[in-house]
C-alpha atoms as a PDB file:
ATOM      1  CA  MET A   1      15.424  -5.566  12.308  1.00  0.00           C
ATOM      2  CA  THR A   2      11.641  -5.114  12.214  1.00  0.00           C
ATOM      3  CA  PHE A   3       9.713  -5.555   8.978  1.00  0.00           C
ATOM      4  CA  VAL A   4       8.732  -1.886   8.857  1.00  0.00           C
ATOM      5  CA  ARG A   5      12.370  -0.807   9.246  1.00  0.00           C
ATOM      6  CA  ALA A   6      13.519  -3.282   6.607  1.00  0.00           C
ATOM      7  CA  GLU A   7      10.721  -2.226   4.247  1.00  0.00           C
ATOM      8  CA  ARG A   8      11.531   1.471   4.703  1.00  0.00           C
ATOM      9  CA  ASP A   9      15.158   0.745   3.822  1.00  0.00           C
ATOM     10  CA  ALA A  10      14.189  -1.381   0.825  1.00  0.00           C
ATOM     11  CA  LEU A  11      11.694   1.168  -0.483  1.00  0.00           C
ATOM     12  CA  THR A  12      14.121   4.058  -0.252  1.00  0.00           C
ATOM     13  CA  ARG A  13      16.821   2.029  -2.029  1.00  0.00           C
ATOM     14  CA  THR A  14      14.341   1.206  -4.796  1.00  0.00           C
ATOM     15  CA  LEU A  15      13.328   4.870  -5.067  1.00  0.00           C
ATOM     16  CA  LEU A  16      16.953   5.918  -5.486  1.00  0.00           C
ATOM     17  CA  GLN A  17      17.602   3.214  -8.075  1.00  0.00           C
ATOM     18  CA  ALA A  18      14.479   4.177 -10.032  1.00  0.00           C
ATOM     19  CA  GLY A  19      15.221   7.900 -10.123  1.00  0.00           C
ATOM     20  CA  ALA A  20      12.901  10.859  -9.689  1.00  0.00           C
ATOM     21  CA  ASP A  21      10.846  10.474 -12.865  1.00  0.00           C
ATOM     22  CA  ALA A  22      10.023   6.767 -12.803  1.00  0.00           C
ATOM     23  CA  PRO A  23       6.373   5.687 -13.003  1.00  0.00           C
ATOM     24  CA  THR A  24       4.433   4.250 -10.090  1.00  0.00           C
ATOM     25  CA  LEU A  25       1.114   2.440  -9.749  1.00  0.00           C
ATOM     26  CA  CYS A  26      -0.329   5.562  -8.090  1.00  0.00           C
ATOM     27  CA  GLU A  27      -2.164   7.181 -10.974  1.00  0.00           C
ATOM     28  CA  GLY A  28      -0.476  10.366 -12.148  1.00  0.00           C
ATOM     29  CA  TRP A  29       2.437  10.091  -9.713  1.00  0.00           C
ATOM     30  CA  THR A  30       6.120   9.690 -10.405  1.00  0.00           C
ATOM     31  CA  THR A  31       8.534   8.361  -7.805  1.00  0.00           C
ATOM     32  CA  HIS A  32       9.255  11.976  -6.821  1.00  0.00           C
ATOM     33  CA  ASP A  33       5.565  12.559  -6.129  1.00  0.00           C
ATOM     34  CA  LEU A  34       5.371   9.361  -4.077  1.00  0.00           C
ATOM     35  CA  ALA A  35       8.399  10.326  -2.002  1.00  0.00           C
ATOM     36  CA  ALA A  36       6.840  13.739  -1.317  1.00  0.00           C
ATOM     37  CA  HIS A  37       3.545  12.085  -0.319  1.00  0.00           C
ATOM     38  CA  LEU A  38       5.316   9.821   2.159  1.00  0.00           C
ATOM     39  CA  TRP A  39       7.256  12.726   3.646  1.00  0.00           C
ATOM     40  CA  ILE A  40       4.110  14.839   4.054  1.00  0.00           C
ATOM     41  CA  ARG A  41       2.196  11.925   5.585  1.00  0.00           C
ATOM     42  CA  GLU A  42       4.832  11.374   8.276  1.00  0.00           C
ATOM     43  CA  ASN A  43       6.108  14.839   9.013  1.00  0.00           C
ATOM     44  CA  ASP A  44       3.596  17.525   8.008  1.00  0.00           C
ATOM     45  CA  ALA A  45       0.435  17.281  10.098  1.00  0.00           C
ATOM     46  CA  VAL A  46      -1.170  20.209   8.283  1.00  0.00           C
ATOM     47  CA  GLY A  47      -0.290  19.004   4.809  1.00  0.00           C
ATOM     48  CA  ALA A  48      -1.435  15.476   5.605  1.00  0.00           C
ATOM     49  CA  THR A  49      -5.036  16.571   6.207  1.00  0.00           C
ATOM     50  CA  GLY A  50      -5.752  16.164   2.500  1.00  0.00           C
ATOM     51  CA  ILE A  51      -4.723  12.511   2.664  1.00  0.00           C
ATOM     52  CA  VAL A  52      -7.588  11.709   5.020  1.00  0.00           C
ATOM     53  CA  SER A  53     -10.085  14.281   3.755  1.00  0.00           C
ATOM     54  CA  GLY A  54     -10.671  15.106   0.110  1.00  0.00           C
ATOM     55  CA  ALA A  55     -11.808  18.588   1.111  1.00  0.00           C
ATOM     56  CA  PHE A  56      -8.150  19.449   1.809  1.00  0.00           C
ATOM     57  CA  ALA A  57      -6.640  17.662  -1.193  1.00  0.00           C
ATOM     58  CA  GLY A  58      -5.534  20.946  -2.711  1.00  0.00           C
ATOM     59  CA  LEU A  59      -3.584  21.823   0.428  1.00  0.00           C
ATOM     60  CA  THR A  60      -1.777  18.503   0.353  1.00  0.00           C
ATOM     61  CA  GLU A  61      -0.909  18.934  -3.321  1.00  0.00           C
ATOM     62  CA  ARG A  62       0.580  22.371  -2.603  1.00  0.00           C
ATOM     63  CA  ARG A  63       2.638  21.016   0.306  1.00  0.00           C
ATOM     64  CA  MET A  64       3.876  18.173  -1.883  1.00  0.00           C
ATOM     65  CA  ALA A  65       4.969  20.651  -4.559  1.00  0.00           C
ATOM     66  CA  GLU A  66       6.728  22.761  -1.910  1.00  0.00           C
ATOM     67  CA  THR A  67       8.478  19.678  -0.538  1.00  0.00           C
ATOM     68  CA  LYS A  68       9.770  18.761  -3.997  1.00  0.00           C
ATOM     69  CA  GLN A  69      11.119  22.296  -4.388  1.00  0.00           C
ATOM     70  CA  ARG A  70      12.651  22.401  -0.904  1.00  0.00           C
ATOM     71  CA  TRP A  71      14.907  19.354  -1.297  1.00  0.00           C
ATOM     72  CA  SER A  72      16.421  17.484  -4.181  1.00  0.00           C
ATOM     73  CA  TYR A  73      14.983  14.053  -4.863  1.00  0.00           C
ATOM     74  CA  ARG A  74      18.028  12.334  -3.354  1.00  0.00           C
ATOM     75  CA  ASP A  75      17.860  14.478  -0.213  1.00  0.00           C
ATOM     76  CA  LEU A  76      14.142  13.833   0.167  1.00  0.00           C
ATOM     77  CA  VAL A  77      14.563  10.059  -0.125  1.00  0.00           C
ATOM     78  CA  GLY A  78      17.428  10.239   2.355  1.00  0.00           C
ATOM     79  CA  ARG A  79      15.172  11.968   4.854  1.00  0.00           C
ATOM     80  CA  LEU A  80      12.564   9.243   4.371  1.00  0.00           C
ATOM     81  CA  ALA A  81      15.213   6.612   4.990  1.00  0.00           C
ATOM     82  CA  ALA A  82      16.126   8.258   8.298  1.00  0.00           C
ATOM     83  CA  GLY A  83      12.610   7.766   9.640  1.00  0.00           C
ATOM     84  CA  PRO A  84      10.058  10.199  11.063  1.00  0.00           C
ATOM     85  CA  THR A  85      11.347  13.365  12.679  1.00  0.00           C
ATOM     86  CA  ARG A  86      11.223  13.524  16.471  1.00  0.00           C
ATOM     87  CA  TRP A  87       8.150  15.800  16.521  1.00  0.00           C
ATOM     88  CA  SER A  88       6.155  13.462  14.270  1.00  0.00           C
ATOM     89  CA  VAL A  89       3.373  11.330  15.729  1.00  0.00           C
ATOM     90  CA  PHE A  90       5.007   8.451  13.855  1.00  0.00           C
ATOM     91  CA  ALA A  91       8.018   8.774  16.185  1.00  0.00           C
ATOM     92  CA  ILE A  92       5.919   7.576  19.144  1.00  0.00           C
ATOM     93  CA  PRO A  93       7.205   4.104  20.095  1.00  0.00           C
ATOM     94  CA  GLY A  94       5.289   1.435  18.213  1.00  0.00           C
ATOM     95  CA  MET A  95       3.519   3.876  15.901  1.00  0.00           C
ATOM     96  CA  ASP A  96       5.902   3.331  12.984  1.00  0.00           C
ATOM     97  CA  ASP A  97       5.140  -0.391  12.930  1.00  0.00           C
ATOM     98  CA  GLN A  98       1.396   0.028  13.378  1.00  0.00           C
ATOM     99  CA  ALA A  99       0.916   2.783  10.807  1.00  0.00           C
ATOM    100  CA  ASN A 100       3.682   2.235   8.263  1.00  0.00           C
ATOM    101  CA  ALA A 101       4.269  -1.498   7.741  1.00  0.00           C
ATOM    102  CA  VAL A 102       1.451  -1.899   5.221  1.00  0.00           C
ATOM    103  CA  GLU A 103       1.899   1.616   3.802  1.00  0.00           C
ATOM    104  CA  TYR A 104       5.533   1.038   2.931  1.00  0.00           C
ATOM    105  CA  PHE A 105       4.970  -2.478   1.633  1.00  0.00           C
ATOM    106  CA  VAL A 106       2.208  -1.351  -0.756  1.00  0.00           C
ATOM    107  CA  HIS A 107       4.087   1.717  -1.974  1.00  0.00           C
ATOM    108  CA  HIS A 108       7.282  -0.283  -2.432  1.00  0.00           C
ATOM    109  CA  GLU A 109       5.377  -2.565  -4.791  1.00  0.00           C
ATOM    110  CA  ASP A 110       3.888   0.536  -6.453  1.00  0.00           C
ATOM    111  CA  VAL A 111       7.424   1.322  -7.599  1.00  0.00           C
ATOM    112  CA  ARG A 112       8.644  -2.235  -8.222  1.00  0.00           C
ATOM    113  CA  ARG A 113       5.669  -3.312 -10.340  1.00  0.00           C
ATOM    114  CA  ALA A 114       5.158  -0.168 -12.407  1.00  0.00           C
ATOM    115  CA  GLY A 115       6.363   0.492 -15.919  1.00  0.00           C
ATOM    116  CA  THR A 116       6.723  -1.759 -18.929  1.00  0.00           C
ATOM    117  CA  ALA A 117       8.816  -4.412 -17.155  1.00  0.00           C
ATOM    118  CA  PRO A 118       7.311  -4.842 -13.676  1.00  0.00           C
ATOM    119  CA  ALA A 119       9.307  -6.819 -11.126  1.00  0.00           C
ATOM    120  CA  GLU A 120       8.212 -10.238  -9.940  1.00  0.00           C
ATOM    121  CA  PRO A 121       6.742 -10.615  -6.420  1.00  0.00           C
ATOM    122  CA  ARG A 122       9.309 -10.903  -3.666  1.00  0.00           C
ATOM    123  CA  ALA A 123       9.717 -14.045  -1.557  1.00  0.00           C
ATOM    124  CA  LEU A 124       8.741 -12.752   1.895  1.00  0.00           C
ATOM    125  CA  ASP A 125       9.442 -14.531   5.166  1.00  0.00           C
ATOM    126  CA  ALA A 126       6.628 -16.627   6.624  1.00  0.00           C
ATOM    127  CA  GLU A 127       6.622 -14.288   9.642  1.00  0.00           C
ATOM    128  CA  VAL A 128       5.965 -11.288   7.373  1.00  0.00           C
ATOM    129  CA  GLU A 129       3.155 -13.092   5.560  1.00  0.00           C
ATOM    130  CA  GLU A 130       1.592 -14.010   8.902  1.00  0.00           C
ATOM    131  CA  SER A 131       1.796 -10.398  10.052  1.00  0.00           C
ATOM    132  CA  LEU A 132       0.101  -9.196   6.857  1.00  0.00           C
ATOM    133  CA  TRP A 133      -2.618 -11.820   7.311  1.00  0.00           C
ATOM    134  CA  ARG A 134      -3.326 -10.547  10.845  1.00  0.00           C
ATOM    135  CA  ARG A 135      -3.568  -7.029   9.481  1.00  0.00           C
ATOM    136  CA  LEU A 136      -5.975  -8.182   6.785  1.00  0.00           C
ATOM    137  CA  ARG A 137      -8.226  -9.567   9.514  1.00  0.00           C
ATOM    138  CA  LEU A 138      -8.352  -6.110  11.053  1.00  0.00           C
ATOM    139  CA  MET A 139      -8.497  -4.052   7.865  1.00  0.00           C
ATOM    140  CA  SER A 140     -10.394  -6.123   5.314  1.00  0.00           C
ATOM    141  CA  ARG A 141     -13.876  -4.807   6.060  1.00  0.00           C
ATOM    142  CA  ALA A 142     -12.695  -1.235   5.541  1.00  0.00           C
ATOM    143  CA  LEU A 143     -10.570  -2.085   2.500  1.00  0.00           C
ATOM    144  CA  PHE A 144     -13.419  -3.882   0.721  1.00  0.00           C
ATOM    145  CA  ARG A 145     -16.159  -1.492   1.832  1.00  0.00           C
ATOM    146  CA  ARG A 146     -16.921  -0.524  -1.786  1.00  0.00           C
ATOM    147  CA  SER A 147     -17.289  -4.100  -2.972  1.00  0.00           C
ATOM    148  CA  PRO A 148     -20.704  -4.777  -4.558  1.00  0.00           C
ATOM    149  CA  VAL A 149     -20.334  -8.506  -3.837  1.00  0.00           C
ATOM    150  CA  GLY A 150     -19.390 -10.640  -0.862  1.00  0.00           C
ATOM    151  CA  ILE A 151     -15.648 -11.185  -0.417  1.00  0.00           C
ATOM    152  CA  VAL A 152     -13.811 -14.112   1.173  1.00  0.00           C
ATOM    153  CA  LEU A 153     -10.013 -14.149   1.504  1.00  0.00           C
ATOM    154  CA  GLU A 154      -8.164 -17.458   1.378  1.00  0.00           C
ATOM    155  CA  ARG A 155      -4.459 -18.041   1.946  1.00  0.00           C
ATOM    156  CA  SER A 156      -2.626 -20.044  -0.686  1.00  0.00           C
ATOM    157  CA  ASP A 157       0.576 -20.336   1.360  1.00  0.00           C
ATOM    158  CA  VAL A 158      -1.007 -22.124   4.341  1.00  0.00           C
ATOM    159  CA  PRO A 159      -3.399 -24.844   3.138  1.00  0.00           C
ATOM    160  CA  GLY A 160      -6.445 -25.240   5.369  1.00  0.00           C
ATOM    161  CA  ALA A 161      -5.980 -21.891   7.135  1.00  0.00           C
ATOM    162  CA  GLU A 162      -9.153 -20.189   8.338  1.00  0.00           C
ATOM    163  CA  GLN A 163     -10.606 -17.854   5.736  1.00  0.00           C
ATOM    164  CA  ILE A 164     -11.442 -14.196   6.282  1.00  0.00           C
ATOM    165  CA  ARG A 165     -14.983 -13.054   5.509  1.00  0.00           C
ATOM    166  CA  ALA A 166     -14.057  -9.582   4.359  1.00  0.00           C
ATOM    167  CA  MET A 167     -17.543  -8.587   3.213  1.00  0.00           C
ATOM    168  CA  PRO A 168     -20.894 -10.336   3.530  1.00  0.00           C
ATOM    169  CA  GLY A 169     -23.078 -10.616   0.478  1.00  0.00           C
ATOM    170  CA  ASN A 170     -24.364 -12.820  -2.257  1.00  0.00           C
ATOM    171  CA  PRO A 171     -22.969 -13.616  -4.747  1.00  0.00           C
ATOM    172  CA  THR A 172     -19.533 -14.090  -3.199  1.00  0.00           C
ATOM    173  CA  VAL A 173     -16.078 -13.906  -4.733  1.00  0.00           C
ATOM    174  CA  THR A 174     -13.253 -15.850  -3.088  1.00  0.00           C
ATOM    175  CA  LEU A 175      -9.807 -14.310  -3.499  1.00  0.00           C
ATOM    176  CA  VAL A 176      -6.921 -16.768  -3.186  1.00  0.00           C
ATOM    177  CA  GLY A 177      -3.263 -15.844  -2.745  1.00  0.00           C
ATOM    178  CA  PRO A 178      -0.530 -15.250  -0.192  1.00  0.00           C
ATOM    179  CA  PRO A 179      -1.354 -12.478   2.304  1.00  0.00           C
ATOM    180  CA  SER A 180       1.073 -10.068   0.639  1.00  0.00           C
ATOM    181  CA  GLU A 181      -0.687 -10.363  -2.715  1.00  0.00           C
ATOM    182  CA  LEU A 182      -4.131 -10.218  -1.111  1.00  0.00           C
ATOM    183  CA  MET A 183      -3.041  -7.017   0.637  1.00  0.00           C
ATOM    184  CA  LEU A 184      -2.086  -5.462  -2.696  1.00  0.00           C
ATOM    185  CA  TYR A 185      -5.406  -6.518  -4.204  1.00  0.00           C
ATOM    186  CA  ALA A 186      -7.284  -5.050  -1.242  1.00  0.00           C
ATOM    187  CA  HIS A 187      -5.499  -1.731  -1.835  1.00  0.00           C
ATOM    188  CA  GLY A 188      -6.734  -1.598  -5.425  1.00  0.00           C
ATOM    189  CA  ARG A 189      -3.676  -3.042  -7.181  1.00  0.00           C
ATOM    190  CA  LEU A 190      -5.867  -5.586  -8.988  1.00  0.00           C
ATOM    191  CA  ALA A 191      -3.852  -5.529 -12.211  1.00  0.00           C
ATOM    192  CA  VAL A 192      -0.570  -6.582 -10.590  1.00  0.00           C
ATOM    193  CA  ALA A 193      -1.614  -8.619  -7.544  1.00  0.00           C
ATOM    194  CA  ARG A 194      -1.021 -12.362  -8.012  1.00  0.00           C
ATOM    195  CA  VAL A 195      -4.462 -13.337  -6.767  1.00  0.00           C
ATOM    196  CA  ARG A 196      -6.915 -15.910  -8.141  1.00  0.00           C
ATOM    197  CA  ALA A 197     -10.539 -14.786  -8.050  1.00  0.00           C
ATOM    198  CA  ILE A 198     -13.190 -17.508  -7.853  1.00  0.00           C
ATOM    199  CA  GLY A 199     -16.898 -16.855  -8.400  1.00  0.00           C
ATOM    200  CA  ASP A 200     -19.570 -16.644 -11.032  1.00  0.00           C
ATOM    201  CA  GLU A 201     -18.867 -14.579 -14.122  1.00  0.00           C
ATOM    202  CA  ALA A 202     -21.140 -11.666 -13.189  1.00  0.00           C
ATOM    203  CA  ALA A 203     -19.661 -11.345  -9.695  1.00  0.00           C
ATOM    204  CA  LEU A 204     -16.098 -11.466 -11.030  1.00  0.00           C
ATOM    205  CA  ALA A 205     -16.952  -8.708 -13.502  1.00  0.00           C
ATOM    206  CA  GLN A 206     -18.413  -6.560 -10.716  1.00  0.00           C
ATOM    207  CA  ILE A 207     -15.379  -6.782  -8.451  1.00  0.00           C
ATOM    208  CA  ALA A 208     -13.019  -6.243 -11.391  1.00  0.00           C
ATOM    209  CA  ASP A 209     -14.776  -2.941 -12.135  1.00  0.00           C
ATOM    210  CA  THR A 210     -14.713  -1.730  -8.519  1.00  0.00           C
ATOM    211  CA  ASP A 211     -12.249   0.934  -7.404  1.00  0.00           C
ATOM    212  CA  LEU A 212     -10.722  -0.470  -4.199  1.00  0.00           C
ATOM    213  CA  SER A 213      -7.947   2.109  -3.953  1.00  0.00           C
ATOM    214  CA  VAL A 214      -7.544   3.712  -0.546  1.00  0.00           C
END
């Protein structure tokens, strides 16, 4: 089973266990809102326009509300578990892995690590960590585009591995952790990501105050 398929299954199980009104790390969203977002993103090309363009955010919010009314929470999560519908662009061979592996990993942790008793990080296979590291190489410049300081990513699970220069600049902050935790940090989950930040005090304060959310 591919990582994206396994992560979709794991996320939907966690959503069902949490229930419709559980908190998430997505500000203002419950698990029901997150499930609706994921459904819209995969299966409603019109509704998804607000995800990529703030000018259409209101449209996306309306489609999310309609989706929550159309199906019960359990039905909606079940549809997510089944994968994209056949007319979705995500049903094109290979697209699910390319577009959803990181999306589902991050949002799964948004559910797992929310609330007053957040779950501990999962022990992921070395192959999964390597895949997330490759994706960080491709995505890091875009993910850290708002950073006011230089950013270097360093793996803690593979000593001596080549670093990623995510953003040029001086001063520089070096972020150290396994690729999975660095990915969460890069998506703005600074409060829960198990990442060690190394740099001078002023630079650390600057990156801590930066909104990295996608």
